[in-house]
């Protein structure tokens, strides 16, 4: 690596959105988008039906019986098309559902079960299911609008606009189906999965505010009160930062989150320490702590590294034996650590509009992130020269980027890797080959 290399670093922190935990929760669920689409298409159908009724009423007032006869003939053909579309949509829904199950099963078995979230959060997958279900519901609603009357004077509505709307939904469904297949195939490729994990990790790092003027927040002093966790046990998924900052400002205190995002919390354990005054009332802190059954990317700085390590470990297992995948995971580990090599860690201060620190959130430190990215993979890399060479090259690159006070864990992992290779490689030539830094592993 040349000395003039520019390292990517997270941009300055931005103020969190007020409903960010709710938004992230909805992104982790699969029911919201299809349900919203079906409700929306019902509203659109009501409007289209009213428009069709208005067209028929206008033609009756004008006495245009010839046009009404043409609309009746059109409705007979349109009814057959709409019926065929309704049957086809059920087939399409079954195909999409089957493809999704196969893709999820293959990804969880080959990579890690935690990558299933990528499929659940896929916007194309949700949009495809939503539009397919909405189209099917629309066809059922449109079929109820067809009348059996043959006399134009007795007709009250001809589903002209509704039929055109159904055809438009079919065209959109076909387009989304092509995009869905393309996206699913991409998500089944390990390089794209690793890239998505890295992108989510960088998004978390970019949302972390940095100390103003490069200075840390003033010492908080001793805690004056504690807030215990109430509710079910589970993984701390995220906290409502904007609401906690607002509550702390209103009561003139500073709140400090005790567990880190991703920690398992149980009822009765303290989750918030209060500094500078009594604890805010319990009702003010309601819905500020989100607990779930699994970790999420949202606010969790180490979750991306956890998944990359899991992918590398599974790739190096005897059952899979795919060191190239481990090298690809190490590429992103090095990239992420390089971006954080000079970024303030340990704690993240959140300020109110006046610039006063109101919430202090703990995050993994540099040593913990380095250990998370390298420790477990290093234990399996001794027997794979491709992985050991890539890891040594990554550690050397990070040593060039990290400030002096952050080099100790990097030097420690490099030395431990050398010792592991020395114990494993049978000859001096094998040891020399396995310990030669190479960013591609072995070409």
Foldseek 3Di string as FASTA:
>chain_A
DDLPDDAAAFAAADDDDQCVVVVVVVLQAQPPLQVVLQVVLVVVLVVLQVVQLVVLVVCVVVVVQVVLLVLLVVLVVLLVVLVVLLVVLVVVLVVLVVLLVVLLVLCCVQFNNVLNSVVSNDPLSSVLSNLSSNLNSLSVVVNVQDDPDNRSVPDRGRSPVSSVVSVVSVVVNVVSVVVSVVVSVLCSDLLSSLVVLLVLLSVLSNNFHADPPNDDADDQPDFPEFDWDDDAKAFFAAFSVVLQQVQLVVVVWAKEADDAHGDIHHGPHTGITIGDDYDGDPVSRPPGIDGDHGYDSHNANQPSLLSLLSRLVSCLDPVNVHNQSNLSSLVSLLSSLLNCQPGDAQWGFDHDPVRHTRYIHGHDDSLVSLCSNQVVSLVSCLVPLLNLQQLLQSLVVSCSRHDPVNNVSSVVSLVVSLVSNVVPDPDPVSSVSSNHHDNSSPD
